Amino acid sequence: MLATLETVAARSFGATTVAVAALPGTEIGLRLLADLDLPTPVRHVGPAYRTYAETFADAACIAWEELDAALDRGGTVLVANPNNPDGRMIAPEQLLGAARRLGERGGMLVVDEAFADVDPAISVLPHLRPDDRVLVFRSFGKFFGLAGVRLGFACGPDAIIAAVRHRLGSWPVSNTALAIGTAAYRDTDWIEAARTRIAAASAALDDRLRARGLDPIGGCPLFRLVETDATALFERLARCGILTRPFDYAPRWLRFGLPGDEAGLDRLTRALDRG
């Protein structure tokens, strides 16, 4: 069952030239990075997911504007594409160029594609050669809406993926995750319909936010980031039973996830209109 899941997922990702290993959630995979003897120094592009900084005690956080210069210094560079929380996206061909430039110096590019399932054009996986020094993480729960299944994937060179498999042992994910994941990735009709539905839902969320002076400053189809009096708005929405995401390092940022349906969007609208 494990091999079947990994084969079906690889086909869904377009990962035909690299090895793919199932993980008990992408979070576990990211935290395994420190055990994989990756080249140093390690840098992650931020602001981004907090786990990147926690994985490597001596990792340096660099701004997006510093990424180009970092490629010439070798080591390991970790980026999210789309980025969390601002949704910044890098074209696959640009990422591929960065990876090969870094690889010429013995480096490794790690790409967290947790939000990439919404659009296959985002992913670098279909463009990789077997010898590319690129490790890609994919998440199951964000797109399929089943975070509790605890399923993710590491995709990359055979030696790196073999090290991941060894670290996780013979039973990396539950039978429930194997069954649900295999069925989900095989359901190509549902995947295409979900992509269309998510695109429409994010456009509708944009309309409601902009109509209330909350112009998104970033995001991807699964979330939107706005700049506002974030503390006050977070508390007001929370009192209405609506949770958004504030950021301690950017006190005016607030991230909105997609409402689950039209009724949820209307409930958000009413809460925003209460003032």
C-alpha atoms as a PDB file:
ATOM      1  CA  MET A   1       0.000   0.000   0.000  1.00  0.00           C
ATOM      2  CA  LEU A   2       2.850   2.412   0.751  1.00  0.00           C
ATOM      3  CA  ALA A   3       4.457   1.939  -2.674  1.00  0.00           C
ATOM      4  CA  THR A   4       1.068   2.414  -4.346  1.00  0.00           C
ATOM      5  CA  LEU A   5       0.422   5.673  -2.499  1.00  0.00           C
ATOM      6  CA  GLU A   6       3.870   7.009  -3.376  1.00  0.00           C
ATOM      7  CA  THR A   7       3.435   6.071  -7.046  1.00  0.00           C
ATOM      8  CA  VAL A   8      -0.011   7.673  -7.283  1.00  0.00           C
ATOM      9  CA  ALA A   9       1.181  10.828  -5.494  1.00  0.00           C
ATOM     10  CA  ALA A  10       4.281  11.090  -7.699  1.00  0.00           C
ATOM     11  CA  ARG A  11       2.080  10.892 -10.785  1.00  0.00           C
ATOM     12  CA  SER A  12      -0.185  13.628  -9.405  1.00  0.00           C
ATOM     13  CA  PHE A  13       2.836  15.867  -8.701  1.00  0.00           C
ATOM     14  CA  GLY A  14       4.437  15.208 -12.101  1.00  0.00           C
ATOM     15  CA  ALA A  15       7.451  13.866 -10.196  1.00  0.00           C
ATOM     16  CA  THR A  16       8.583  11.320 -12.789  1.00  0.00           C
ATOM     17  CA  THR A  17      12.364  11.712 -12.455  1.00  0.00           C
ATOM     18  CA  VAL A  18      12.897  11.751  -8.681  1.00  0.00           C
ATOM     19  CA  ALA A  19      12.203   9.477  -5.720  1.00  0.00           C
ATOM     20  CA  VAL A  20       9.115  10.115  -3.557  1.00  0.00           C
ATOM     21  CA  ALA A  21       8.665   9.089   0.080  1.00  0.00           C
ATOM     22  CA  ALA A  22       5.512   9.422   2.176  1.00  0.00           C
ATOM     23  CA  LEU A  23       5.830  11.285   5.482  1.00  0.00           C
ATOM     24  CA  PRO A  24       3.613  11.496   8.582  1.00  0.00           C
ATOM     25  CA  GLY A  25       3.004  15.157   7.718  1.00  0.00           C
ATOM     26  CA  THR A  26       5.294  17.718   6.097  1.00  0.00           C
ATOM     27  CA  GLU A  27       6.141  19.164   9.500  1.00  0.00           C
ATOM     28  CA  ILE A  28       7.975  15.938  10.391  1.00  0.00           C
ATOM     29  CA  GLY A  29       9.798  16.024   7.064  1.00  0.00           C
ATOM     30  CA  LEU A  30      10.997  19.558   7.595  1.00  0.00           C
ATOM     31  CA  ARG A  31      12.274  18.714  11.052  1.00  0.00           C
ATOM     32  CA  LEU A  32      14.203  15.751   9.610  1.00  0.00           C
ATOM     33  CA  LEU A  33      16.303  18.119   7.526  1.00  0.00           C
ATOM     34  CA  ALA A  34      18.755  18.630  10.382  1.00  0.00           C
ATOM     35  CA  ASP A  35      19.493  14.869  10.325  1.00  0.00           C
ATOM     36  CA  LEU A  36      20.251  14.633   6.589  1.00  0.00           C
ATOM     37  CA  ASP A  37      23.787  16.059   6.603  1.00  0.00           C
ATOM     38  CA  LEU A  38      22.882  18.794   4.126  1.00  0.00           C
ATOM     39  CA  PRO A  39      25.614  21.156   2.949  1.00  0.00           C
ATOM     40  CA  THR A  40      26.316  24.232   5.042  1.00  0.00           C
ATOM     41  CA  PRO A  41      25.780  27.076   5.613  1.00  0.00           C
ATOM     42  CA  VAL A  42      21.995  26.825   5.767  1.00  0.00           C
ATOM     43  CA  ARG A  43      19.802  29.782   4.879  1.00  0.00           C
ATOM     44  CA  HIS A  44      16.046  30.100   4.662  1.00  0.00           C
ATOM     45  CA  VAL A  45      14.186  32.877   2.894  1.00  0.00           C
ATOM     46  CA  GLY A  46      11.814  34.836   5.117  1.00  0.00           C
ATOM     47  CA  PRO A  47       9.465  35.877   6.419  1.00  0.00           C
ATOM     48  CA  ALA A  48       8.187  32.322   6.213  1.00  0.00           C
ATOM     49  CA  TYR A  49       7.004  29.305   8.174  1.00  0.00           C
ATOM     50  CA  ARG A  50       8.449  29.348  11.708  1.00  0.00           C
ATOM     51  CA  THR A  51       9.625  25.702  11.535  1.00  0.00           C
ATOM     52  CA  TYR A  52      12.365  26.640   9.067  1.00  0.00           C
ATOM     53  CA  ALA A  53      14.197  28.614  11.721  1.00  0.00           C
ATOM     54  CA  GLU A  54      13.555  25.985  14.387  1.00  0.00           C
ATOM     55  CA  THR A  55      14.913  23.110  12.281  1.00  0.00           C
ATOM     56  CA  PHE A  56      18.468  24.421  12.059  1.00  0.00           C
ATOM     57  CA  ALA A  57      19.887  26.075  15.164  1.00  0.00           C
ATOM     58  CA  ASP A  58      22.498  27.982  13.167  1.00  0.00           C
ATOM     59  CA  ALA A  59      20.447  28.770  10.048  1.00  0.00           C
ATOM     60  CA  ALA A  60      20.357  32.360   8.822  1.00  0.00           C
ATOM     61  CA  CYS A  61      17.181  34.024   7.626  1.00  0.00           C
ATOM     62  CA  ILE A  62      17.684  36.042   4.448  1.00  0.00           C
ATOM     63  CA  ALA A  63      15.363  38.401   2.611  1.00  0.00           C
ATOM     64  CA  TRP A  64      14.069  37.568  -0.857  1.00  0.00           C
ATOM     65  CA  GLU A  65      16.329  40.271  -2.224  1.00  0.00           C
ATOM     66  CA  GLU A  66      19.350  38.370  -0.870  1.00  0.00           C
ATOM     67  CA  LEU A  67      18.485  35.058  -2.518  1.00  0.00           C
ATOM     68  CA  ASP A  68      20.454  35.683  -5.697  1.00  0.00           C
ATOM     69  CA  ALA A  69      23.682  36.406  -3.822  1.00  0.00           C
ATOM     70  CA  ALA A  70      23.127  33.416  -1.521  1.00  0.00           C
ATOM     71  CA  LEU A  71      23.196  31.021  -4.464  1.00  0.00           C
ATOM     72  CA  ASP A  72      26.859  31.827  -5.096  1.00  0.00           C
ATOM     73  CA  ARG A  73      27.840  30.895  -1.544  1.00  0.00           C
ATOM     74  CA  GLY A  74      26.746  27.267  -1.764  1.00  0.00           C
ATOM     75  CA  GLY A  75      25.273  25.467   1.223  1.00  0.00           C
ATOM     76  CA  THR A  76      21.556  24.768   1.605  1.00  0.00           C
ATOM     77  CA  VAL A  77      18.838  27.265   0.770  1.00  0.00           C
ATOM     78  CA  LEU A  78      15.237  26.662   1.865  1.00  0.00           C
ATOM     79  CA  VAL A  79      12.336  28.481   0.211  1.00  0.00           C
ATOM     80  CA  ALA A  80       8.571  28.073   0.218  1.00  0.00           C
ATOM     81  CA  ASN A  81       6.738  28.303  -3.096  1.00  0.00           C
ATOM     82  CA  PRO A  82       4.095  29.691  -2.709  1.00  0.00           C
ATOM     83  CA  ASN A  83       5.476  31.380   0.363  1.00  0.00           C
ATOM     84  CA  ASN A  84       3.645  31.422   3.651  1.00  0.00           C
ATOM     85  CA  PRO A  85       2.317  33.955   4.700  1.00  0.00           C
ATOM     86  CA  ASP A  86       2.622  36.369   1.787  1.00  0.00           C
ATOM     87  CA  GLY A  87       1.942  33.959  -1.095  1.00  0.00           C
ATOM     88  CA  ARG A  88       4.983  35.047  -3.090  1.00  0.00           C
ATOM     89  CA  MET A  89       5.571  32.663  -6.000  1.00  0.00           C
ATOM     90  CA  ILE A  90       8.679  31.890  -8.021  1.00  0.00           C
ATOM     91  CA  ALA A  91       8.296  30.489 -11.537  1.00  0.00           C
ATOM     92  CA  PRO A  92       9.534  26.878 -11.824  1.00  0.00           C
ATOM     93  CA  GLU A  93      12.098  27.776 -14.452  1.00  0.00           C
ATOM     94  CA  GLN A  94      13.530  30.445 -12.166  1.00  0.00           C
ATOM     95  CA  LEU A  95      13.712  27.974  -9.281  1.00  0.00           C
ATOM     96  CA  LEU A  96      15.349  25.419 -11.534  1.00  0.00           C
ATOM     97  CA  GLY A  97      17.996  27.937 -12.576  1.00  0.00           C
ATOM     98  CA  ALA A  98      18.625  28.792  -8.938  1.00  0.00           C
ATOM     99  CA  ALA A  99      18.912  25.109  -8.016  1.00  0.00           C
ATOM    100  CA  ARG A 100      21.446  24.345 -10.732  1.00  0.00           C
ATOM    101  CA  ARG A 101      23.482  27.411  -9.921  1.00  0.00           C
ATOM    102  CA  LEU A 102      23.524  26.357  -6.283  1.00  0.00           C
ATOM    103  CA  GLY A 103      24.255  22.753  -7.241  1.00  0.00           C
ATOM    104  CA  GLU A 104      27.370  23.800  -9.173  1.00  0.00           C
ATOM    105  CA  ARG A 105      28.772  24.888  -5.819  1.00  0.00           C
ATOM    106  CA  GLY A 106      27.822  21.630  -4.094  1.00  0.00           C
ATOM    107  CA  GLY A 107      24.716  23.177  -2.582  1.00  0.00           C
ATOM    108  CA  MET A 108      21.150  21.949  -2.160  1.00  0.00           C
ATOM    109  CA  LEU A 109      17.860  23.747  -2.775  1.00  0.00           C
ATOM    110  CA  VAL A 110      14.939  22.732  -0.527  1.00  0.00           C
ATOM    111  CA  VAL A 111      11.499  23.831  -1.714  1.00  0.00           C
ATOM    112  CA  ASP A 112       8.401  23.642   0.477  1.00  0.00           C
ATOM    113  CA  GLU A 113       5.481  23.305  -1.942  1.00  0.00           C
ATOM    114  CA  ALA A 114       2.838  22.867   0.757  1.00  0.00           C
ATOM    115  CA  PHE A 115       0.383  25.145  -1.105  1.00  0.00           C
ATOM    116  CA  ALA A 116       1.306  24.125  -4.680  1.00  0.00           C
ATOM    117  CA  ASP A 117      -1.512  21.622  -5.321  1.00  0.00           C
ATOM    118  CA  VAL A 118      -3.882  24.446  -6.215  1.00  0.00           C
ATOM    119  CA  ASP A 119      -2.064  24.948  -9.537  1.00  0.00           C
ATOM    120  CA  PRO A 120       0.251  22.373 -11.157  1.00  0.00           C
ATOM    121  CA  ALA A 121       2.070  25.176 -12.984  1.00  0.00           C
ATOM    122  CA  ILE A 122       3.622  26.264  -9.669  1.00  0.00           C
ATOM    123  CA  SER A 123       5.655  23.124  -9.015  1.00  0.00           C
ATOM    124  CA  VAL A 124       9.284  22.599  -9.947  1.00  0.00           C
ATOM    125  CA  LEU A 125       8.897  18.800  -9.727  1.00  0.00           C
ATOM    126  CA  PRO A 126       7.893  18.131 -13.365  1.00  0.00           C
ATOM    127  CA  HIS A 127      11.020  19.977 -14.531  1.00  0.00           C
ATOM    128  CA  LEU A 128      13.675  18.188 -12.459  1.00  0.00           C
ATOM    129  CA  ARG A 129      16.417  15.938 -13.760  1.00  0.00           C
ATOM    130  CA  PRO A 130      17.499  12.970 -11.613  1.00  0.00           C
ATOM    131  CA  ASP A 131      20.807  14.701 -10.846  1.00  0.00           C
ATOM    132  CA  ASP A 132      19.303  18.028  -9.757  1.00  0.00           C
ATOM    133  CA  ARG A 133      20.202  18.820  -6.148  1.00  0.00           C
ATOM    134  CA  VAL A 134      16.649  19.711  -5.154  1.00  0.00           C
ATOM    135  CA  LEU A 135      14.507  18.365  -2.320  1.00  0.00           C
ATOM    136  CA  VAL A 136      10.791  19.193  -2.504  1.00  0.00           C
ATOM    137  CA  PHE A 137       8.160  18.791   0.202  1.00  0.00           C
ATOM    138  CA  ARG A 138       4.482  18.385  -0.601  1.00  0.00           C
ATOM    139  CA  SER A 139       1.586  18.510   1.839  1.00  0.00           C
ATOM    140  CA  PHE A 140      -1.670  16.555   1.640  1.00  0.00           C
ATOM    141  CA  GLY A 141      -3.876  18.311   4.173  1.00  0.00           C
ATOM    142  CA  LYS A 142      -3.819  21.873   2.885  1.00  0.00           C
ATOM    143  CA  PHE A 143      -5.372  21.132  -0.493  1.00  0.00           C
ATOM    144  CA  PHE A 144      -7.569  18.182   0.438  1.00  0.00           C
ATOM    145  CA  GLY A 145      -8.655  19.768   3.720  1.00  0.00           C
ATOM    146  CA  LEU A 146      -7.727  16.732   5.812  1.00  0.00           C
ATOM    147  CA  ALA A 147      -4.900  17.914   8.037  1.00  0.00           C
ATOM    148  CA  GLY A 148      -5.697  15.235  10.622  1.00  0.00           C
ATOM    149  CA  VAL A 149      -4.667  12.478   8.199  1.00  0.00           C
ATOM    150  CA  ARG A 150      -1.031  13.561   8.806  1.00  0.00           C
ATOM    151  CA  LEU A 151       0.385  12.943   5.350  1.00  0.00           C
ATOM    152  CA  GLY A 152       3.081  14.623   3.324  1.00  0.00           C
ATOM    153  CA  PHE A 153       5.840  13.738   0.870  1.00  0.00           C
ATOM    154  CA  ALA A 154       9.549  14.294   0.316  1.00  0.00           C
ATOM    155  CA  CYS A 155      10.630  14.248  -3.332  1.00  0.00           C
ATOM    156  CA  GLY A 156      14.209  14.379  -4.531  1.00  0.00           C
ATOM    157  CA  PRO A 157      17.482  12.564  -5.257  1.00  0.00           C
ATOM    158  CA  ASP A 158      17.584   8.853  -4.503  1.00  0.00           C
ATOM    159  CA  ALA A 159      20.237   9.147  -1.772  1.00  0.00           C
ATOM    160  CA  ILE A 160      18.404  11.875   0.126  1.00  0.00           C
ATOM    161  CA  ILE A 161      15.062  10.085  -0.062  1.00  0.00           C
ATOM    162  CA  ALA A 162      16.709   6.832   1.042  1.00  0.00           C
ATOM    163  CA  ALA A 163      18.026   8.668   4.105  1.00  0.00           C
ATOM    164  CA  VAL A 164      14.515   9.963   4.840  1.00  0.00           C
ATOM    165  CA  ARG A 165      13.079   6.453   4.545  1.00  0.00           C
ATOM    166  CA  HIS A 166      15.738   5.067   6.870  1.00  0.00           C
ATOM    167  CA  ARG A 167      15.054   7.756   9.444  1.00  0.00           C
ATOM    168  CA  LEU A 168      11.281   7.140   9.422  1.00  0.00           C
ATOM    169  CA  GLY A 169      11.434   3.339   9.493  1.00  0.00           C
ATOM    170  CA  SER A 170       9.204   0.701   7.916  1.00  0.00           C
ATOM    171  CA  TRP A 171       5.788   2.184   8.817  1.00  0.00           C
ATOM    172  CA  PRO A 172       6.013   5.951   8.214  1.00  0.00           C
ATOM    173  CA  VAL A 173       2.276   6.615   7.854  1.00  0.00           C
ATOM    174  CA  SER A 174      -0.930   4.990   9.093  1.00  0.00           C
ATOM    175  CA  ASN A 175      -3.114   2.607   7.095  1.00  0.00           C
ATOM    176  CA  THR A 176      -5.804   5.279   7.192  1.00  0.00           C
ATOM    177  CA  ALA A 177      -3.446   7.770   5.561  1.00  0.00           C
ATOM    178  CA  LEU A 178      -2.417   5.188   2.959  1.00  0.00           C
ATOM    179  CA  ALA A 179      -6.026   4.474   1.972  1.00  0.00           C
ATOM    180  CA  ILE A 180      -7.285   8.073   2.016  1.00  0.00           C
ATOM    181  CA  GLY A 181      -4.213   9.481   0.284  1.00  0.00           C
ATOM    182  CA  THR A 182      -4.275   6.902  -2.507  1.00  0.00           C
ATOM    183  CA  ALA A 183      -7.990   7.454  -3.157  1.00  0.00           C
ATOM    184  CA  ALA A 184      -7.593  11.239  -3.109  1.00  0.00           C
ATOM    185  CA  TYR A 185      -4.691  11.450  -5.542  1.00  0.00           C
ATOM    186  CA  ARG A 186      -6.413   9.032  -7.911  1.00  0.00           C
ATOM    187  CA  ASP A 187      -9.551  11.196  -8.012  1.00  0.00           C
ATOM    188  CA  THR A 188      -8.406  13.519 -10.792  1.00  0.00           C
ATOM    189  CA  ASP A 189     -11.942  14.761 -11.460  1.00  0.00           C
ATOM    190  CA  TRP A 190     -12.292  15.950  -7.865  1.00  0.00           C
ATOM    191  CA  ILE A 191      -8.834  17.571  -7.985  1.00  0.00           C
ATOM    192  CA  GLU A 192      -9.683  19.575 -11.106  1.00  0.00           C
ATOM    193  CA  ALA A 193     -13.074  20.598  -9.709  1.00  0.00           C
ATOM    194  CA  ALA A 194     -11.462  21.641  -6.415  1.00  0.00           C
ATOM    195  CA  ARG A 195      -8.927  23.820  -8.211  1.00  0.00           C
ATOM    196  CA  THR A 196     -11.735  25.592 -10.052  1.00  0.00           C
ATOM    197  CA  ARG A 197     -13.795  25.953  -6.875  1.00  0.00           C
ATOM    198  CA  ILE A 198     -10.843  27.296  -4.862  1.00  0.00           C
ATOM    199  CA  ALA A 199     -10.002  29.871  -7.533  1.00  0.00           C
ATOM    200  CA  ALA A 200     -13.608  31.109  -7.514  1.00  0.00           C
ATOM    201  CA  ALA A 201     -13.720  31.172  -3.700  1.00  0.00           C
ATOM    202  CA  SER A 202     -10.509  33.184  -3.435  1.00  0.00           C
ATOM    203  CA  ALA A 203     -11.810  35.695  -5.987  1.00  0.00           C
ATOM    204  CA  ALA A 204     -15.035  36.026  -4.001  1.00  0.00           C
ATOM    205  CA  LEU A 205     -13.059  36.563  -0.793  1.00  0.00           C
ATOM    206  CA  ASP A 206     -11.024  39.275  -2.530  1.00  0.00           C
ATOM    207  CA  ASP A 207     -14.230  41.058  -3.532  1.00  0.00           C
ATOM    208  CA  ARG A 208     -15.622  41.024   0.020  1.00  0.00           C
ATOM    209  CA  LEU A 209     -12.332  42.171   1.561  1.00  0.00           C
ATOM    210  CA  ARG A 210     -11.731  44.970  -0.957  1.00  0.00           C
ATOM    211  CA  ALA A 211     -15.284  46.247  -0.555  1.00  0.00           C
ATOM    212  CA  ARG A 212     -14.422  46.820   3.112  1.00  0.00           C
ATOM    213  CA  GLY A 213     -11.083  48.521   2.526  1.00  0.00           C
ATOM    214  CA  LEU A 214      -9.011  45.404   3.131  1.00  0.00           C
ATOM    215  CA  ASP A 215      -6.991  45.146  -0.073  1.00  0.00           C
ATOM    216  CA  PRO A 216      -4.923  41.920  -0.073  1.00  0.00           C
ATOM    217  CA  ILE A 217      -1.177  42.595  -0.134  1.00  0.00           C
ATOM    218  CA  GLY A 218      -0.360  38.953  -0.783  1.00  0.00           C
ATOM    219  CA  GLY A 219      -1.691  35.441  -0.871  1.00  0.00           C
ATOM    220  CA  CYS A 220      -2.251  32.330  -2.925  1.00  0.00           C
ATOM    221  CA  PRO A 221      -5.584  30.687  -3.800  1.00  0.00           C
ATOM    222  CA  LEU A 222      -5.843  29.147  -0.301  1.00  0.00           C
ATOM    223  CA  PHE A 223      -5.354  32.338   1.743  1.00  0.00           C
ATOM    224  CA  ARG A 224      -5.159  36.109   1.619  1.00  0.00           C
ATOM    225  CA  LEU A 225      -2.924  38.496   3.566  1.00  0.00           C
ATOM    226  CA  VAL A 226      -4.059  42.022   4.435  1.00  0.00           C
ATOM    227  CA  GLU A 227      -2.461  44.961   6.219  1.00  0.00           C
ATOM    228  CA  THR A 228      -4.684  46.623   8.815  1.00  0.00           C
ATOM    229  CA  ASP A 229      -5.139  47.167  12.534  1.00  0.00           C
ATOM    230  CA  ALA A 230      -4.577  43.435  12.856  1.00  0.00           C
ATOM    231  CA  THR A 231      -4.956  43.086  16.626  1.00  0.00           C
ATOM    232  CA  ALA A 232      -8.327  44.823  16.740  1.00  0.00           C
ATOM    233  CA  LEU A 233      -9.676  42.982  13.696  1.00  0.00           C
ATOM    234  CA  PHE A 234      -8.406  39.616  14.918  1.00  0.00           C
ATOM    235  CA  GLU A 235     -10.156  40.102  18.263  1.00  0.00           C
ATOM    236  CA  ARG A 236     -13.378  41.330  16.672  1.00  0.00           C
ATOM    237  CA  LEU A 237     -13.571  38.346  14.319  1.00  0.00           C
ATOM    238  CA  ALA A 238     -12.613  35.921  17.089  1.00  0.00           C
ATOM    239  CA  ARG A 239     -15.571  37.138  19.145  1.00  0.00           C
ATOM    240  CA  CYS A 240     -17.711  36.078  16.197  1.00  0.00           C
ATOM    241  CA  GLY A 241     -16.134  32.635  16.120  1.00  0.00           C
ATOM    242  CA  ILE A 242     -13.921  33.386  13.109  1.00  0.00           C
ATOM    243  CA  LEU A 243     -10.195  32.726  13.458  1.00  0.00           C
ATOM    244  CA  THR A 244      -7.622  34.573  11.380  1.00  0.00           C
ATOM    245  CA  ARG A 245      -3.834  34.482  11.639  1.00  0.00           C
ATOM    246  CA  PRO A 246      -1.857  37.401  13.155  1.00  0.00           C
ATOM    247  CA  PHE A 247       1.959  37.606  13.055  1.00  0.00           C
ATOM    248  CA  ASP A 248       4.138  38.781  15.917  1.00  0.00           C
ATOM    249  CA  TYR A 249       6.904  39.899  13.522  1.00  0.00           C
ATOM    250  CA  ALA A 250       4.475  41.932  11.392  1.00  0.00           C
ATOM    251  CA  PRO A 251       1.838  43.370  13.772  1.00  0.00           C
ATOM    252  CA  ARG A 252      -0.259  44.906  10.980  1.00  0.00           C
ATOM    253  CA  TRP A 253      -0.531  41.665   8.981  1.00  0.00           C
ATOM    254  CA  LEU A 254      -3.571  39.415   9.177  1.00  0.00           C
ATOM    255  CA  ARG A 255      -4.082  36.266   7.109  1.00  0.00           C
ATOM    256  CA  PHE A 256      -7.525  35.017   6.055  1.00  0.00           C
ATOM    257  CA  GLY A 257      -8.119  31.403   5.092  1.00  0.00           C
ATOM    258  CA  LEU A 258     -10.817  30.608   2.571  1.00  0.00           C
ATOM    259  CA  PRO A 259     -14.306  30.289   4.050  1.00  0.00           C
ATOM    260  CA  GLY A 260     -15.589  26.759   3.592  1.00  0.00           C
ATOM    261  CA  ASP A 261     -18.660  27.714   1.590  1.00  0.00           C
ATOM    262  CA  GLU A 262     -20.945  30.610   0.647  1.00  0.00           C
ATOM    263  CA  ALA A 263     -22.545  30.581   4.085  1.00  0.00           C
ATOM    264  CA  GLY A 264     -19.116  30.906   5.667  1.00  0.00           C
ATOM    265  CA  LEU A 265     -18.259  33.810   3.382  1.00  0.00           C
ATOM    266  CA  ASP A 266     -21.510  35.534   4.328  1.00  0.00           C
ATOM    267  CA  ARG A 267     -20.773  35.008   8.019  1.00  0.00           C
ATOM    268  CA  LEU A 268     -17.340  36.590   7.574  1.00  0.00           C
ATOM    269  CA  THR A 269     -18.930  39.490   5.695  1.00  0.00           C
ATOM    270  CA  ARG A 270     -21.420  40.149   8.501  1.00  0.00           C
ATOM    271  CA  ALA A 271     -18.630  40.055  11.088  1.00  0.00           C
ATOM    272  CA  LEU A 272     -16.546  42.531   9.085  1.00  0.00           C
ATOM    273  CA  ASP A 273     -19.551  44.826   8.686  1.00  0.00           C
ATOM    274  CA  ARG A 274     -20.197  45.021  12.430  1.00  0.00           C
ATOM    275  CA  GLY A 275     -17.338  47.490  12.804  1.00  0.00           C
END
